[in-house]
Amino acid sequence: MTRVAICDDSRTYVHALKRVLEADGDIAVVGAYGRAEDLLTALPSLKADLVTMDLELPGIDGIEAVRRIMARQPLPIVVLSSHADERAAEALAAGAVDVLPKDEVMLGDVGGASGAAVRRRMRRFSRLRVTAPIALLRPARRPAEAAGGALRAAAARGVRAVGIVASTGGPSALRAVLGVLPAQPDVPVLVVQHMTTGFTEGLVRWLDSAISAPVRVAVDGTAATPGVWLAPDEQHLTIAAGPTMRLDRCERRGPHRPSGDALLASMAQSLGGGAVGVVLTGMGDDGAAGVAAVVDRGGLAIAQDAATSAVAGMPGAAAVAGAQLVLALHEIGPAIAALRPRAQVAG
């Protein structure tokens, strides 16, 4: 039995959500709270497997509640929000595993496809073993000490672009990694972050305000210039000769669109040894096939280690696929920053 606690100050919404979640008989709502303070008090005795959280609450808001839960008793938290803005990205950075728009959770469709999809999603997330986001508190070791020969070899070759793939736990990990980069990065950094449709723009605005480097949504056919570029909703981001960014909203490449495998494989094809692929925290194995392609073409691949990953599935699969470096989160940004662009190496 999956045990769920709900935090939402709308009694009508709570009642409808409870009906949807409990429809199959294998999910039990063990508590419903209109204030985060009441949830935080009750949570230690609830033995909940998952929490759903509204962001707009009286008293402590949803973001602060997520932070406190993850600090005291880490649990999978799914945010149900009416606003696809920076606050949703901030909730994910605080430790929530997913954000869903309230208007897409069709609470009137209890026995239909929408209700079944909500229950599947909640069951899947309830099985995660999450950890609190790792703050960038420790001074990083020098990149050569942390990474050894593979990083030195990549630095000697020179880099043309960096591709980063992230999913569950990704926003906080991206902030930690990208926050180490200078305000004017030497090379383009292309990012695939699995997000619920509608929330990517908010993530871009939040990251742009949180780090020094400019963060923008990738645009089809434009040059991949130095800076941070995120794949837009429901479109694969790839890189072609130039280097030029390409978007594809038609092709299916595995369960994710955008796909980390699609990005990294295109980088391997177009950039060869000048490609650097990075796989951060996330559920599943997106990015692993792309890592294998990058390594096969002479590029560098980095996977986040399990100890600093909110969910270790994706980086673990990347390590198995051949990533030369497995680094703690606080080591990845300095490792990327230590690499020089190919033009400087050639000069």
Protein backbone atom coordinates (compact mmCIF):
# COMPACT_ATOMS: atom_id res chain seq x y z
CA MET A 1 0.00 0.00 0.00
CA THR A 2 1.37 3.42 -1.01
CA ARG A 3 0.84 6.01 1.72
CA VAL A 4 0.35 9.63 0.59
CA ALA A 5 0.06 12.84 2.60
CA ILE A 6 -1.61 15.88 0.98
CA CYS A 7 -0.87 19.53 1.79
CA ASP A 8 -3.36 21.93 0.18
CA ASP A 9 -5.59 24.59 1.68
CA SER A 10 -8.51 23.91 -0.67
CA ARG A 11 -10.81 21.34 0.93
CA THR A 12 -12.58 20.81 -2.39
CA TYR A 13 -9.32 20.06 -4.16
CA VAL A 14 -8.13 17.76 -1.38
CA HIS A 15 -11.37 15.77 -1.49
CA ALA A 16 -11.20 15.37 -5.27
CA LEU A 17 -7.50 14.43 -5.23
CA LYS A 18 -8.14 11.86 -2.51
CA ARG A 19 -10.85 10.22 -4.65
CA VAL A 20 -8.50 9.97 -7.62
CA LEU A 21 -5.56 8.60 -5.64
CA GLU A 22 -7.55 5.98 -3.75
CA ALA A 23 -9.59 4.74 -6.73
CA ASP A 24 -7.58 1.53 -7.31
CA GLY A 25 -7.38 0.58 -3.63
CA ASP A 26 -3.58 0.45 -3.45
CA ILE A 27 -2.97 4.09 -2.47
CA ALA A 28 -4.08 5.42 0.91
CA VAL A 29 -4.21 9.12 1.80
CA VAL A 30 -2.92 9.03 5.38
CA GLY A 31 -3.32 12.72 6.10
CA ALA A 32 -4.56 15.96 4.52
CA TYR A 33 -3.41 19.35 5.83
CA GLY A 34 -4.31 22.90 4.90
CA ARG A 35 -1.17 24.35 6.52
CA ALA A 36 2.41 23.25 6.06
CA GLU A 37 3.08 23.69 9.78
CA ASP A 38 0.47 21.02 10.57
CA LEU A 39 1.93 18.63 7.99
CA LEU A 40 5.45 19.11 9.36
CA THR A 41 4.25 18.33 12.88
CA ALA A 42 2.38 15.19 11.80
CA LEU A 43 4.84 13.85 9.23
CA PRO A 44 7.16 11.89 11.55
CA SER A 45 4.27 9.66 12.66
CA LEU A 46 2.50 9.30 9.30
CA LYS A 47 4.95 6.87 7.69
CA ALA A 48 4.12 8.46 4.34
CA ASP A 49 5.79 7.27 1.14
CA LEU A 50 5.05 10.49 -0.76
CA VAL A 51 3.78 14.03 -0.17
CA THR A 52 1.79 16.21 -2.56
CA MET A 53 2.38 19.90 -1.95
CA ASP A 54 0.63 23.09 -3.00
CA LEU A 55 2.87 26.16 -3.27
CA GLU A 56 0.37 28.79 -2.18
CA LEU A 57 -0.38 28.10 1.48
CA PRO A 58 -1.21 30.20 4.55
CA GLY A 59 1.79 30.57 6.84
CA ILE A 60 4.82 28.67 5.59
CA ASP A 61 4.63 28.40 1.82
CA GLY A 62 5.16 25.23 -0.18
CA ILE A 63 8.77 25.94 -1.11
CA GLU A 64 9.84 26.42 2.49
CA ALA A 65 7.87 23.30 3.45
CA VAL A 66 9.74 21.29 0.81
CA ARG A 67 13.06 22.57 2.18
CA ARG A 68 12.15 21.60 5.74
CA ILE A 69 10.88 18.14 4.80
CA MET A 70 14.03 17.40 2.79
CA ALA A 71 16.23 18.60 5.65
CA ARG A 72 14.44 16.64 8.38
CA GLN A 73 12.86 13.59 6.74
CA PRO A 74 13.60 13.33 2.98
CA LEU A 75 10.59 12.03 1.07
CA PRO A 76 9.46 12.16 -2.57
CA ILE A 77 7.43 15.37 -2.89
CA VAL A 78 5.24 16.11 -5.91
CA VAL A 79 4.23 19.77 -6.20
CA LEU A 80 0.79 20.49 -7.62
CA SER A 81 0.92 24.09 -8.77
CA SER A 82 -1.36 26.54 -10.53
CA HIS A 83 1.62 28.61 -11.71
CA ALA A 84 4.28 27.56 -14.25
CA ASP A 85 6.86 30.11 -13.13
CA GLU A 86 10.16 30.43 -11.30
CA ARG A 87 8.55 29.25 -8.06
CA ALA A 88 8.06 25.80 -9.55
CA ALA A 89 11.76 25.62 -10.44
CA GLU A 90 12.64 26.79 -6.95
CA ALA A 91 10.52 24.00 -5.46
CA LEU A 92 12.37 21.45 -7.59
CA ALA A 93 15.69 22.94 -6.49
CA ALA A 94 14.54 22.61 -2.88
CA GLY A 95 14.10 18.87 -3.39
CA ALA A 96 10.68 18.16 -4.95
CA VAL A 97 10.81 15.31 -7.47
CA ASP A 98 8.20 16.70 -9.86
CA VAL A 99 5.84 19.60 -10.49
CA LEU A 100 2.45 19.07 -12.10
CA PRO A 101 0.03 21.78 -13.22
CA LYS A 102 -3.16 21.56 -11.20
CA ASP A 103 -5.31 22.08 -14.27
CA GLU A 104 -3.77 19.02 -15.95
CA VAL A 105 -4.58 16.72 -13.03
CA MET A 106 -8.10 15.89 -14.19
CA LEU A 107 -9.69 15.20 -10.84
CA GLY A 108 -13.10 14.55 -12.40
CA ASP A 109 -11.71 11.66 -14.43
CA VAL A 110 -11.38 9.26 -11.49
CA GLY A 111 -11.73 6.01 -13.42
CA GLY A 112 -10.43 7.26 -16.77
CA ALA A 113 -7.04 7.55 -18.45
CA SER A 114 -6.09 10.81 -16.73
CA GLY A 115 -6.81 9.50 -13.25
CA ALA A 116 -4.91 6.29 -13.98
CA ALA A 117 -1.93 8.30 -15.25
CA VAL A 118 -1.84 10.35 -12.04
CA ARG A 119 -1.88 7.20 -9.91
CA ARG A 120 0.91 5.58 -11.96
CA ARG A 121 3.02 8.67 -11.57
CA MET A 122 2.51 8.82 -7.82
CA ARG A 123 3.30 5.11 -7.39
CA ARG A 124 6.49 5.48 -9.42
CA PHE A 125 7.72 8.48 -7.44
CA SER A 126 6.76 6.93 -4.11
CA ARG A 127 9.33 4.19 -4.71
CA LEU A 128 12.20 6.65 -5.03
CA ARG A 129 14.76 6.86 -2.25
CA VAL A 130 15.59 10.54 -2.28
CA THR A 131 18.21 12.55 -0.46
CA ALA A 132 18.37 16.22 0.45
CA PRO A 133 19.86 18.48 -2.25
CA ILE A 134 23.60 18.79 -1.84
CA ALA A 135 24.57 22.41 -1.23
CA LEU A 136 27.78 23.64 -2.77
CA LEU A 137 29.36 24.19 0.63
CA ARG A 138 32.64 22.35 0.47
CA PRO A 139 35.59 23.81 -1.40
CA ALA A 140 36.17 21.73 -4.49
CA ARG A 141 39.38 19.87 -4.92
CA ARG A 142 41.53 21.06 -7.78
CA PRO A 143 40.19 19.43 -10.97
CA ALA A 144 43.42 17.56 -11.66
CA GLU A 145 43.26 15.98 -8.22
CA ALA A 146 39.59 15.11 -8.53
CA ALA A 147 39.63 13.80 -12.08
CA GLY A 148 43.12 12.72 -13.02
CA GLY A 149 44.35 11.83 -16.47
CA ALA A 150 41.06 11.82 -18.38
CA LEU A 151 40.44 15.47 -17.55
CA ARG A 152 43.99 16.47 -18.41
CA ALA A 153 43.68 14.69 -21.77
CA ALA A 154 40.42 16.53 -22.54
CA ALA A 155 42.01 19.83 -21.58
CA ALA A 156 44.90 19.11 -23.93
CA ARG A 157 42.51 18.35 -26.83
CA GLY A 158 40.32 21.37 -26.23
CA VAL A 159 36.54 21.47 -25.96
CA ARG A 160 33.95 22.63 -28.48
CA ALA A 161 30.77 22.19 -26.42
CA VAL A 162 29.45 20.69 -23.18
CA GLY A 163 26.18 18.76 -23.00
CA ILE A 164 24.43 18.20 -19.66
CA VAL A 165 21.55 15.81 -19.00
CA ALA A 166 19.48 15.87 -15.81
CA SER A 167 16.11 14.72 -14.52
CA THR A 168 14.84 14.20 -10.96
CA GLY A 169 16.82 16.48 -8.67
CA GLY A 170 18.26 18.28 -11.68
CA PRO A 171 17.47 21.95 -11.00
CA SER A 172 19.51 22.11 -7.80
CA ALA A 173 22.32 20.09 -9.40
CA LEU A 174 22.32 22.38 -12.44
CA ARG A 175 22.55 25.43 -10.21
CA ALA A 176 25.56 23.92 -8.43
CA VAL A 177 27.37 22.94 -11.63
CA LEU A 178 26.55 25.98 -13.77
CA GLY A 179 27.08 28.37 -10.87
CA VAL A 180 30.82 27.69 -11.00
CA LEU A 181 31.09 28.79 -14.63
CA PRO A 182 32.25 32.34 -15.44
CA ALA A 183 29.79 35.02 -16.54
CA GLN A 184 31.13 34.57 -20.06
CA PRO A 185 31.68 30.81 -20.61
CA ASP A 186 34.26 29.82 -23.20
CA VAL A 187 32.02 27.29 -24.97
CA PRO A 188 28.31 26.59 -25.39
CA VAL A 189 26.72 24.49 -22.64
CA LEU A 190 23.63 22.67 -23.90
CA VAL A 191 21.23 21.30 -21.29
CA VAL A 192 18.45 18.71 -21.38
CA GLN A 193 16.41 18.79 -18.16
CA HIS A 194 13.35 16.55 -18.02
CA MET A 195 10.46 18.85 -17.05
CA THR A 196 6.69 18.71 -17.13
CA THR A 197 5.50 20.62 -20.19
CA GLY A 198 4.98 24.28 -19.41
CA PHE A 199 7.62 24.62 -16.71
CA THR A 200 10.85 24.94 -18.72
CA GLU A 201 10.56 28.71 -19.24
CA GLY A 202 10.26 29.18 -15.47
CA LEU A 203 13.35 27.03 -14.94
CA VAL A 204 15.29 29.13 -17.46
CA ARG A 205 14.33 32.38 -15.73
CA TRP A 206 15.18 30.95 -12.32
CA LEU A 207 18.58 29.65 -13.43
CA ASP A 208 19.36 32.91 -15.24
CA SER A 209 18.78 34.80 -12.00
CA ALA A 210 20.71 32.27 -9.89
CA ILE A 211 24.01 32.00 -11.82
CA SER A 212 26.43 34.38 -13.52
CA ALA A 213 26.35 32.88 -17.02
CA PRO A 214 23.44 33.82 -19.32
CA VAL A 215 20.75 31.11 -19.57
CA ARG A 216 18.43 30.97 -22.57
CA VAL A 217 16.05 28.62 -24.36
CA ALA A 218 17.64 27.05 -27.45
CA VAL A 219 16.34 28.31 -30.82
CA ASP A 220 16.35 26.15 -33.94
CA GLY A 221 18.96 27.03 -36.54
CA THR A 222 20.94 29.47 -34.40
CA ALA A 223 24.64 29.27 -33.69
CA ALA A 224 25.63 27.46 -30.52
CA THR A 225 27.48 30.40 -28.99
CA PRO A 226 29.08 30.43 -25.51
CA GLY A 227 26.44 30.49 -22.78
CA VAL A 228 23.90 28.08 -21.35
CA TRP A 229 21.13 26.83 -23.64
CA LEU A 230 18.20 24.69 -22.44
CA ALA A 231 16.11 22.40 -24.63
CA PRO A 232 12.53 23.74 -24.87
CA ASP A 233 9.41 21.78 -23.95
CA GLU A 234 8.72 18.69 -26.03
CA GLN A 235 11.62 19.22 -28.44
CA HIS A 236 14.89 17.36 -28.86
CA LEU A 237 17.94 19.60 -28.80
CA THR A 238 20.82 18.49 -31.02
CA ILE A 239 23.94 20.10 -32.42
CA ALA A 240 25.03 20.10 -36.04
CA ALA A 241 28.07 21.34 -37.92
CA GLY A 242 28.81 24.97 -37.29
CA PRO A 243 28.13 24.30 -34.45
CA THR A 244 24.41 25.01 -34.93
CA MET A 245 21.54 24.11 -32.60
CA ARG A 246 18.72 22.04 -34.06
CA LEU A 247 15.30 21.31 -32.55
CA ASP A 248 13.06 18.38 -33.42
CA ARG A 249 9.53 18.02 -32.06
CA CYS A 250 8.54 15.06 -34.25
CA GLU A 251 10.90 12.15 -33.77
CA ARG A 252 10.48 9.82 -30.80
CA ARG A 253 13.79 8.74 -29.29
CA GLY A 254 12.98 6.71 -26.21
CA PRO A 255 10.59 7.83 -23.48
CA HIS A 256 11.85 11.42 -23.20
CA ARG A 257 11.47 14.47 -25.38
CA PRO A 258 13.82 16.26 -25.02
CA SER A 259 16.22 13.33 -24.86
CA GLY A 260 19.67 13.44 -23.34
CA ASP A 261 20.73 10.58 -25.59
CA ALA A 262 19.72 12.60 -28.65
CA LEU A 263 21.79 15.59 -27.52
CA LEU A 264 24.93 13.68 -26.58
CA ALA A 265 24.83 11.42 -29.65
CA SER A 266 24.61 14.48 -31.92
CA MET A 267 27.55 16.06 -30.11
CA ALA A 268 29.60 12.91 -30.57
CA GLN A 269 28.74 12.87 -34.29
CA SER A 270 29.38 16.58 -34.94
CA LEU A 271 32.15 17.43 -32.49
CA GLY A 272 34.09 14.18 -32.00
CA GLY A 273 36.79 14.57 -29.37
CA GLY A 274 35.65 18.13 -28.70
CA ALA A 275 32.45 16.94 -27.02
CA VAL A 276 32.00 16.76 -23.25
CA GLY A 277 28.94 14.94 -21.95
CA VAL A 278 27.73 15.20 -18.35
CA VAL A 279 24.95 13.12 -16.78
CA LEU A 280 23.51 14.37 -13.50
CA THR A 281 20.94 13.04 -11.06
CA GLY A 282 17.81 11.42 -12.45
CA MET A 283 15.62 8.36 -12.68
CA GLY A 284 16.07 5.88 -15.54
CA ASP A 285 18.95 5.71 -18.00
CA ASP A 286 18.61 8.67 -20.37
CA GLY A 287 22.08 9.83 -21.35
CA ALA A 288 23.79 6.45 -21.08
CA ALA A 289 23.68 5.66 -24.81
CA GLY A 290 24.82 9.22 -25.52
CA VAL A 291 27.75 8.81 -23.14
CA ALA A 292 28.80 5.64 -24.97
CA ALA A 293 28.73 7.58 -28.26
CA VAL A 294 30.78 10.47 -26.83
CA VAL A 295 33.43 8.13 -25.45
CA ASP A 296 33.52 6.10 -28.68
CA ARG A 297 34.29 9.27 -30.67
CA GLY A 298 37.08 10.34 -28.32
CA GLY A 299 35.19 12.82 -26.15
CA LEU A 300 34.97 13.12 -22.37
CA ALA A 301 32.01 11.88 -20.32
CA ILE A 302 31.32 12.71 -16.67
CA ALA A 303 28.75 11.11 -14.37
CA GLN A 304 27.63 12.44 -10.99
CA ASP A 305 28.37 10.04 -8.16
CA ALA A 306 25.63 8.22 -6.24
CA ALA A 307 26.40 9.89 -2.91
CA THR A 308 25.54 13.38 -4.19
CA SER A 309 22.70 12.38 -6.54
CA ALA A 310 19.09 12.83 -5.44
CA VAL A 311 18.37 9.78 -7.64
CA ALA A 312 21.33 7.79 -8.91
CA GLY A 313 19.71 5.92 -11.82
CA MET A 314 20.83 8.05 -14.78
CA PRO A 315 24.39 8.82 -13.67
CA GLY A 316 24.82 5.20 -12.58
CA ALA A 317 23.81 4.02 -16.05
CA ALA A 318 26.18 6.57 -17.58
CA ALA A 319 29.04 5.21 -15.49
CA VAL A 320 28.27 1.68 -16.66
CA ALA A 321 28.14 2.97 -20.26
CA GLY A 322 31.73 4.16 -20.01
CA ALA A 323 31.90 7.62 -18.46
CA GLN A 324 35.58 8.15 -17.71
CA LEU A 325 34.92 10.27 -14.63
CA VAL A 326 32.49 9.78 -11.75
CA LEU A 327 32.58 12.93 -9.65
CA ALA A 328 30.79 14.40 -6.67
CA LEU A 329 28.46 17.26 -7.57
CA HIS A 330 30.79 19.94 -6.17
CA GLU A 331 33.63 18.64 -8.36
CA ILE A 332 31.80 18.73 -11.70
CA GLY A 333 31.57 22.49 -12.18
CA PRO A 334 35.29 23.10 -11.48
CA ALA A 335 36.17 20.22 -13.81
CA ILE A 336 34.18 21.80 -16.66
CA ALA A 337 35.54 25.26 -15.90
CA ALA A 338 39.11 23.93 -16.12
CA LEU A 339 38.66 22.87 -19.75
CA ARG A 340 39.81 25.24 -22.48
CA PRO A 341 38.08 25.75 -25.83
CA ARG A 342 39.69 24.05 -28.80
CA ALA A 343 40.57 27.36 -30.46
CA GLN A 344 42.74 28.34 -27.49
CA VAL A 345 44.46 24.96 -27.43
CA ALA A 346 45.09 25.06 -31.15
CA GLY A 347 46.43 28.63 -30.83
